[in-house]
Protein backbone atom coordinates (compact mmCIF):
# COMPACT_ATOMS: atom_id res chain seq x y z
CA UNK A 1 90.36 125.16 72.91
CA UNK A 2 92.35 121.96 72.73
CA UNK A 3 94.29 121.40 69.47
CA UNK A 4 93.01 118.50 67.52
CA UNK A 5 96.57 117.01 67.60
CA UNK A 6 96.31 116.60 71.41
CA UNK A 7 92.57 115.91 71.88
CA UNK A 8 93.19 112.13 72.41
CA UNK A 9 94.99 112.91 75.48
CA UNK A 10 91.88 114.02 77.07
CA UNK A 11 89.72 111.09 75.96
CA UNK A 12 88.45 108.80 78.99
CA UNK A 13 89.66 105.29 79.45
CA UNK A 14 87.91 102.48 81.35
CA UNK A 15 89.52 100.10 83.66
CA UNK A 16 88.62 96.48 83.70
CA UNK A 17 86.62 96.97 87.09
CA UNK A 18 84.38 99.61 85.26
CA UNK A 19 86.14 102.66 86.71
CA UNK A 20 86.42 105.46 84.22
CA UNK A 21 89.56 107.71 84.25
CA UNK A 22 88.73 111.20 82.94
CA UNK A 23 91.70 111.35 80.49
CA UNK A 24 94.83 109.49 79.30
CA UNK A 25 97.25 111.30 81.60
CA UNK A 26 98.71 110.01 84.81
CA UNK A 27 101.02 111.51 87.47
CA UNK A 28 103.96 109.08 88.10
CA UNK A 29 104.99 108.32 91.63
CA UNK A 30 107.68 110.79 92.54
CA UNK A 31 109.55 110.42 95.84
CA UNK A 32 109.45 113.62 98.01
CA UNK A 33 112.04 112.89 100.86
CA UNK A 34 109.77 115.17 102.75
CA UNK A 35 107.71 113.19 105.13
CA UNK A 36 107.66 113.97 108.90
CA UNK A 37 110.22 112.17 111.21
CA UNK A 38 107.40 109.95 112.61
CA UNK A 39 106.42 108.69 109.03
CA UNK A 40 103.46 110.78 108.56
CA UNK A 41 102.62 112.97 105.59
CA UNK A 42 104.01 116.48 106.05
CA UNK A 43 102.26 119.83 105.51
CA UNK A 44 104.63 120.63 102.70
CA UNK A 45 103.81 117.28 101.09
CA UNK A 46 99.85 118.08 101.27
CA UNK A 47 100.50 121.40 99.60
CA UNK A 48 102.64 119.69 96.75
CA UNK A 49 99.99 117.13 96.09
CA UNK A 50 97.12 119.71 95.98
CA UNK A 51 99.06 121.94 93.67
CA UNK A 52 99.09 118.96 91.20
CA UNK A 53 95.70 117.61 91.59
CA UNK A 54 94.37 118.67 88.27
CA UNK A 55 97.25 117.35 86.13
CA UNK A 56 95.82 114.00 85.25
CA UNK A 57 92.81 111.56 85.65
CA UNK A 58 95.16 109.00 87.58
CA UNK A 59 97.29 110.58 90.41
CA UNK A 60 99.93 107.95 91.91
CA UNK A 61 101.57 108.85 94.93
CA UNK A 62 105.13 108.51 96.15
CA UNK A 63 105.83 105.05 97.52
CA UNK A 64 104.68 104.25 100.97
CA UNK A 65 106.72 101.73 103.03
CA UNK A 66 104.83 98.64 104.01
CA UNK A 67 107.36 97.42 106.41
CA UNK A 68 109.80 98.83 109.02
CA UNK A 69 112.38 96.49 107.32
CA UNK A 70 111.78 98.12 103.96
CA UNK A 71 112.17 101.91 104.02
CA UNK A 72 114.39 102.93 101.28
CA UNK A 73 114.15 106.71 101.59
CA UNK A 74 115.12 109.37 104.05
CA UNK A 75 111.78 110.69 105.36
CA UNK A 76 109.77 108.29 103.60
CA UNK A 77 106.11 107.84 104.84
CA UNK A 78 104.92 104.61 106.35
CA UNK A 79 101.72 102.34 106.27
CA UNK A 80 102.35 100.17 109.11
CA UNK A 81 101.31 102.39 112.01
CA UNK A 82 97.76 103.45 112.62
CA UNK A 83 98.91 106.79 113.88
CA UNK A 84 99.58 107.92 110.32
CA UNK A 85 95.89 107.46 109.27
CA UNK A 86 94.79 111.02 109.89
CA UNK A 87 97.55 112.41 107.68
CA UNK A 88 96.88 109.90 104.96
CA UNK A 89 93.24 110.78 104.92
CA UNK A 90 94.24 114.39 104.20
CA UNK A 91 96.65 113.28 101.51
CA UNK A 92 93.89 111.25 99.67
CA UNK A 93 91.54 114.24 99.93
CA UNK A 94 93.86 116.66 98.30
CA UNK A 95 95.03 114.15 95.65
CA UNK A 96 91.24 113.77 94.68
CA UNK A 97 90.36 117.44 95.01
CA UNK A 98 90.16 118.14 91.36
CA UNK A 99 88.48 114.86 90.31
CA UNK A 100 91.59 112.59 89.89
CA UNK A 101 91.55 108.98 90.98
CA UNK A 102 94.18 108.76 94.01
CA UNK A 103 96.37 105.82 94.01
CA UNK A 104 98.59 105.02 96.87
CA UNK A 105 101.78 103.16 95.72
CA UNK A 106 102.92 100.42 98.17
CA UNK A 107 106.70 99.45 98.49
CA UNK A 108 109.28 97.35 100.23
CA UNK A 109 112.92 98.39 99.43
CA UNK A 110 114.52 94.94 99.98
CA UNK A 111 118.23 95.31 99.59
CA UNK A 112 117.91 98.90 98.29
CA UNK A 113 116.87 99.94 101.85
CA UNK A 114 119.82 101.68 103.62
CA UNK A 115 120.78 99.82 106.78
CA UNK A 116 120.41 102.98 108.85
CA UNK A 117 116.59 103.11 107.90
CA UNK A 118 115.55 99.78 108.82
CA UNK A 119 114.99 97.52 111.82
CA UNK A 120 118.28 96.17 113.58
CA UNK A 121 120.26 97.81 110.59
CA UNK A 122 119.83 94.66 108.65
CA UNK A 123 118.41 94.72 105.16
CA UNK A 124 116.66 91.92 103.61
CA UNK A 125 116.10 90.22 100.10
CA UNK A 126 115.20 87.26 98.22
CA UNK A 127 118.88 86.14 98.68
CA UNK A 128 122.15 87.33 100.34
CA UNK A 129 123.31 88.90 97.07
CA UNK A 130 124.94 92.51 97.06
CA UNK A 131 122.56 95.35 96.68
CA UNK A 132 122.23 96.80 93.15
CA UNK A 133 122.94 100.50 94.33
CA UNK A 134 125.25 99.48 97.23
CA UNK A 135 127.27 96.56 96.20
CA UNK A 136 129.18 96.55 99.43
CA UNK A 137 126.09 95.84 101.31
CA UNK A 138 124.78 92.18 101.46
CA UNK A 139 121.28 91.72 102.75
CA UNK A 140 120.10 88.85 104.80
CA UNK A 141 118.13 86.20 102.91
CA UNK A 142 114.46 86.22 104.04
CA UNK A 143 112.99 82.97 105.75
CA UNK A 144 109.84 81.43 104.70
CA UNK A 145 108.13 83.04 107.76
CA UNK A 146 109.43 86.46 106.96
CA UNK A 147 108.23 86.21 103.35
CA UNK A 148 104.76 85.40 104.40
CA UNK A 149 105.04 88.44 106.92
CA UNK A 150 105.96 90.86 104.21
CA UNK A 151 103.12 89.68 101.95
CA UNK A 152 100.76 90.42 104.85
CA UNK A 153 102.36 93.68 105.24
CA UNK A 154 101.44 94.60 101.54
CA UNK A 155 97.97 93.49 102.27
CA UNK A 156 97.79 95.83 105.37
CA UNK A 157 99.11 98.83 103.46
CA UNK A 158 96.15 98.22 101.08
CA UNK A 159 93.93 98.16 104.20
CA UNK A 160 95.41 101.52 105.25
CA UNK A 161 94.61 102.91 101.81
CA UNK A 162 91.14 101.87 101.96
CA UNK A 163 90.76 103.43 105.32
CA UNK A 164 92.43 106.67 104.27
CA UNK A 165 89.93 106.98 101.33
CA UNK A 166 92.33 106.33 98.38
CA UNK A 167 90.94 105.08 95.06
CA UNK A 168 93.30 102.35 94.76
CA UNK A 169 96.87 101.01 95.28
CA UNK A 170 99.77 100.46 92.91
CA UNK A 171 102.10 97.63 93.93
CA UNK A 172 105.73 98.77 93.37
CA UNK A 173 107.38 95.82 91.55
CA UNK A 174 110.07 97.91 89.69
CA UNK A 175 113.29 99.93 90.17
CA UNK A 176 115.30 96.99 91.82
CA UNK A 177 113.23 97.01 94.95
CA UNK A 178 112.19 93.91 96.82
CA UNK A 179 109.65 92.52 94.38
CA UNK A 180 111.85 92.94 91.58
CA UNK A 181 114.63 91.16 93.51
CA UNK A 182 112.42 88.16 93.71
CA UNK A 183 111.77 88.05 89.97
CA UNK A 184 115.37 88.53 89.09
CA UNK A 185 117.51 85.38 88.58
CA UNK A 186 120.49 87.40 89.66
CA UNK A 187 119.19 88.55 92.83
CA UNK A 188 116.98 85.62 93.62
CA UNK A 189 119.21 82.58 93.98
CA UNK A 190 117.01 80.68 96.40
CA UNK A 191 116.45 76.85 96.00
CA UNK A 192 112.96 76.70 97.48
CA UNK A 193 109.55 77.32 96.02
CA UNK A 194 110.40 81.10 95.94
CA UNK A 195 113.31 80.76 93.66
CA UNK A 196 114.86 79.02 90.67
CA UNK A 197 112.63 78.78 87.78
CA UNK A 198 111.00 81.77 86.45
CA UNK A 199 107.55 80.23 87.64
CA UNK A 200 108.98 80.12 91.26
CA UNK A 201 110.46 83.53 90.97
CA UNK A 202 107.16 84.96 89.93
CA UNK A 203 105.41 83.36 92.96
CA UNK A 204 106.26 86.40 95.31
CA UNK A 205 104.70 89.19 93.06
CA UNK A 206 101.75 86.95 92.46
CA UNK A 207 101.26 86.20 96.23
CA UNK A 208 101.47 89.97 97.02
CA UNK A 209 98.69 90.59 94.52
CA UNK A 210 96.49 87.91 95.76
CA UNK A 211 96.95 89.14 99.44
CA UNK A 212 96.09 92.82 98.39
CA UNK A 213 93.12 91.50 96.33
CA UNK A 214 91.85 89.51 99.39
CA UNK A 215 91.92 92.52 101.46
CA UNK A 216 90.26 94.66 98.92
CA UNK A 217 87.44 92.08 98.58
CA UNK A 218 86.94 92.16 102.29
CA UNK A 219 87.10 95.87 102.97
CA UNK A 220 86.42 97.86 99.68
CA UNK A 221 84.12 97.41 96.57
CA UNK A 222 84.73 96.68 92.96
CA UNK A 223 85.59 100.36 92.30
CA UNK A 224 88.87 100.14 94.38
CA UNK A 225 91.90 100.03 91.65
CA UNK A 226 94.72 97.62 92.00
CA UNK A 227 97.60 98.47 89.67
CA UNK A 228 101.20 97.10 89.32
CA UNK A 229 104.42 98.88 88.26
CA UNK A 230 107.30 96.86 86.83
CA UNK A 231 110.68 97.27 85.11
CA UNK A 232 110.46 95.65 81.65
CA UNK A 233 113.83 94.02 81.81
CA UNK A 234 117.03 93.92 84.01
CA UNK A 235 119.93 95.29 82.03
CA UNK A 236 121.95 97.20 84.53
CA UNK A 237 125.18 95.18 85.08
CA UNK A 238 122.88 91.94 85.53
CA UNK A 239 120.64 90.04 83.25
CA UNK A 240 118.33 88.51 85.65
CA UNK A 241 115.33 88.59 83.35
CA UNK A 242 114.31 89.97 79.97
CA UNK A 243 111.26 91.21 78.16
CA UNK A 244 110.08 87.54 77.34
CA UNK A 245 110.04 86.87 81.05
CA UNK A 246 107.98 90.08 81.60
CA UNK A 247 105.50 88.81 79.22
CA UNK A 248 104.99 86.01 81.52
CA UNK A 249 104.79 88.16 84.56
CA UNK A 250 102.07 90.32 82.76
CA UNK A 251 100.08 87.09 81.84
CA UNK A 252 99.98 86.14 85.43
CA UNK A 253 99.04 89.53 86.80
CA UNK A 254 96.26 89.95 84.18
CA UNK A 255 95.01 86.38 84.89
CA UNK A 256 94.85 87.20 88.71
CA UNK A 257 92.66 90.43 87.82
CA UNK A 258 95.17 93.43 87.80
CA UNK A 259 93.48 96.78 86.72
CA UNK A 260 96.38 98.43 84.82
CA UNK A 261 100.21 97.72 84.35
CA UNK A 262 102.59 100.55 84.59
CA UNK A 263 106.00 100.07 82.72
CA UNK A 264 108.82 102.07 84.61
CA UNK A 265 111.29 103.58 82.23
CA UNK A 266 113.78 106.57 81.96
CA UNK A 267 112.69 107.11 78.24
CA UNK A 268 109.42 105.96 76.68
CA UNK A 269 111.30 105.48 73.45
CA UNK A 270 113.63 102.85 74.73
CA UNK A 271 113.98 99.67 72.65
CA UNK A 272 114.69 96.17 74.11
CA UNK A 273 118.14 95.41 75.18
CA UNK A 274 120.23 94.13 72.37
CA UNK A 275 117.43 94.59 69.77
CA UNK A 276 118.18 95.81 66.15
CA UNK A 277 117.82 99.47 65.33
CA UNK A 278 114.39 98.88 63.33
CA UNK A 279 112.77 96.98 66.28
CA UNK A 280 109.82 98.41 68.04
CA UNK A 281 110.19 100.14 71.50
CA UNK A 282 109.62 98.37 74.70
CA UNK A 283 106.10 100.11 75.09
CA UNK A 284 105.12 98.97 71.55
CA UNK A 285 106.23 95.38 72.20
CA UNK A 286 104.43 95.39 75.59
CA UNK A 287 101.19 96.84 74.16
CA UNK A 288 101.26 94.41 71.32
CA UNK A 289 101.60 91.51 73.71
CA UNK A 290 99.01 92.74 76.23
CA UNK A 291 96.63 93.29 73.26
CA UNK A 292 94.21 95.56 75.26
CA UNK A 293 93.45 93.05 78.04
CA UNK A 294 94.27 95.75 80.55
CA UNK A 295 95.48 99.36 80.28
CA UNK A 296 99.15 100.00 79.85
CA UNK A 297 100.82 103.24 81.45
CA UNK A 298 104.00 104.31 79.90
CA UNK A 299 106.35 106.85 81.34
CA UNK A 300 109.83 108.44 80.75
CA UNK A 301 111.04 111.61 79.32
CA UNK A 302 107.77 112.90 78.47
CA UNK A 303 107.81 117.06 78.60
CA UNK A 304 105.72 118.07 75.76
CA UNK A 305 102.10 117.00 74.44
CA UNK A 306 103.48 115.74 71.28
CA UNK A 307 105.66 113.34 73.14
CA UNK A 308 102.58 112.32 75.16
CA UNK A 309 100.62 111.61 71.96
CA UNK A 310 103.31 109.71 70.39
CA UNK A 311 103.35 107.45 73.51
CA UNK A 312 99.80 106.73 72.95
CA UNK A 313 100.40 105.98 69.22
CA UNK A 314 103.25 103.68 70.28
CA UNK A 315 100.45 101.53 72.01
CA UNK A 316 100.31 102.93 75.63
CA UNK A 317 96.79 103.63 76.92
CA UNK A 318 97.90 106.24 79.34
CA UNK A 319 101.16 108.29 79.55
CA UNK A 320 102.55 109.39 82.83
CA UNK A 321 104.25 112.76 83.70
CA UNK A 322 107.11 112.49 86.17
CA UNK A 323 109.60 115.25 86.41
CA UNK A 324 107.47 117.34 84.26
CA UNK A 325 104.65 117.20 86.81
CA UNK A 326 107.21 118.86 89.24
CA UNK A 327 108.64 121.46 86.82
CA UNK A 328 105.23 122.54 85.53
CA UNK A 329 102.10 121.78 87.56
CA UNK A 330 99.98 123.79 85.11
CA UNK A 331 101.11 121.60 82.23
CA UNK A 332 97.57 120.12 81.43
CA UNK A 333 95.86 123.41 81.70
CA UNK A 334 98.32 124.94 79.26
CA UNK A 335 97.69 122.08 76.82
CA UNK A 336 94.03 122.68 77.05
CA UNK A 337 94.31 126.21 76.59
CA UNK A 338 96.80 125.91 73.57
CA UNK A 339 99.53 127.46 75.51
CA UNK A 340 102.07 124.98 74.38
CA UNK A 341 104.78 127.43 73.95
CA UNK A 342 104.42 128.32 77.75
CA UNK A 343 105.22 124.90 78.94
CA UNK A 344 108.32 124.70 81.32
CA UNK A 345 110.33 121.68 80.40
CA UNK A 346 113.30 122.95 82.69
CA UNK A 347 113.16 123.55 86.28
CA UNK A 348 112.82 127.20 87.16
CA UNK A 349 115.26 127.51 90.06
CA UNK A 350 113.84 130.61 91.51
CA UNK A 351 110.19 129.41 91.44
CA UNK A 352 110.13 126.97 94.47
CA UNK A 353 107.23 128.87 96.08
CA UNK A 354 105.33 129.06 92.85
CA UNK A 355 105.75 125.41 92.12
CA UNK A 356 104.85 124.27 95.61
CA UNK A 357 107.83 121.80 96.07
CA UNK A 358 108.89 120.70 99.53
CA UNK A 359 112.05 122.24 100.73
CA UNK A 360 113.97 118.70 101.10
CA UNK A 361 112.80 117.74 97.55
CA UNK A 362 113.80 120.97 96.17
CA UNK A 363 117.25 120.84 97.55
CA UNK A 364 117.76 117.53 95.74
CA UNK A 365 116.23 118.30 92.31
CA UNK A 366 117.57 122.00 92.14
CA UNK A 367 121.29 120.68 92.11
CA UNK A 368 122.99 120.31 88.87
CA UNK A 369 123.13 116.73 88.98
CA UNK A 370 121.69 116.04 85.48
CA UNK A 371 118.56 114.34 86.91
CA UNK A 372 116.42 117.40 86.40
CA UNK A 373 116.99 120.00 83.56
CA UNK A 374 117.61 123.41 84.98
CA UNK A 375 116.63 126.82 83.60
């Protein structure tokens, strides 16, 4: 029996297009580094997704590359080759096998794409500004024609998601990847219509959304979900935009018909940069501004159900499990069965087989780097 304190996690939530999610839980997109060398989904990945299919009402995949110039991860899976479709169909099927809505996150790395992974060993971005992760690497500035091509590639990735049987796509506009690079006044120093003012810097994410929606209208029906993930402010070494700028991004996305917004954070309790101690969290500020116009998903450091409920009380409509979904794929069932004391909030380093984690992902997360807490 679900404890009364946690029952609100299991109340349904409706998206603006009428789609009902079974509960207030989501699985955050987590990179696996485990695709096949040809860009298809591997058997180990299929097993990994199936093991976690009953965790949440909304299941968001790892990010799929929309362009051969935008791969940001070793063994990342790709959307731009029709040969990948059979495996994508299997992935959608296992993600939906326990009733979750399966969403494919679509992504371009921009200057965060290592040169060895992309065409001609040349990364691209809004401007020729050093990469966030690799300051020694300077990308090529995209031409007008290349910008339009990438926008079309996002649309094509949405088409692939529809063909594969996914319930929706999430546009990855966070974590210093290409879309965020366009939004940032630091990384975007263009002087044409794609840069300069905030209005111009927001032109690219809005164009991507509009292209995706055009494809959805043509090939899917109203039940196909289109979400958007964003980083709420840029504070790491650079101040390319702040929370007030993000409010304008949110307004534009909502005006253009987005179905949900997903705020990417390391910690759900983070407060805006430079704000006083008694100020509300970023999640609270965003929820207050959005005002229920679309559902808001919050993520970051949620390991126990009381932390998830606190996220809802702070204003989020859904809370997403990231690392926790890897460390304990039975998390949701344990909450339902009132087995809270049996939840694993540390990675059991001798339980790879039981947790069903791909070999390459396991090798990364089981190292004592501080990313995953180890038992």
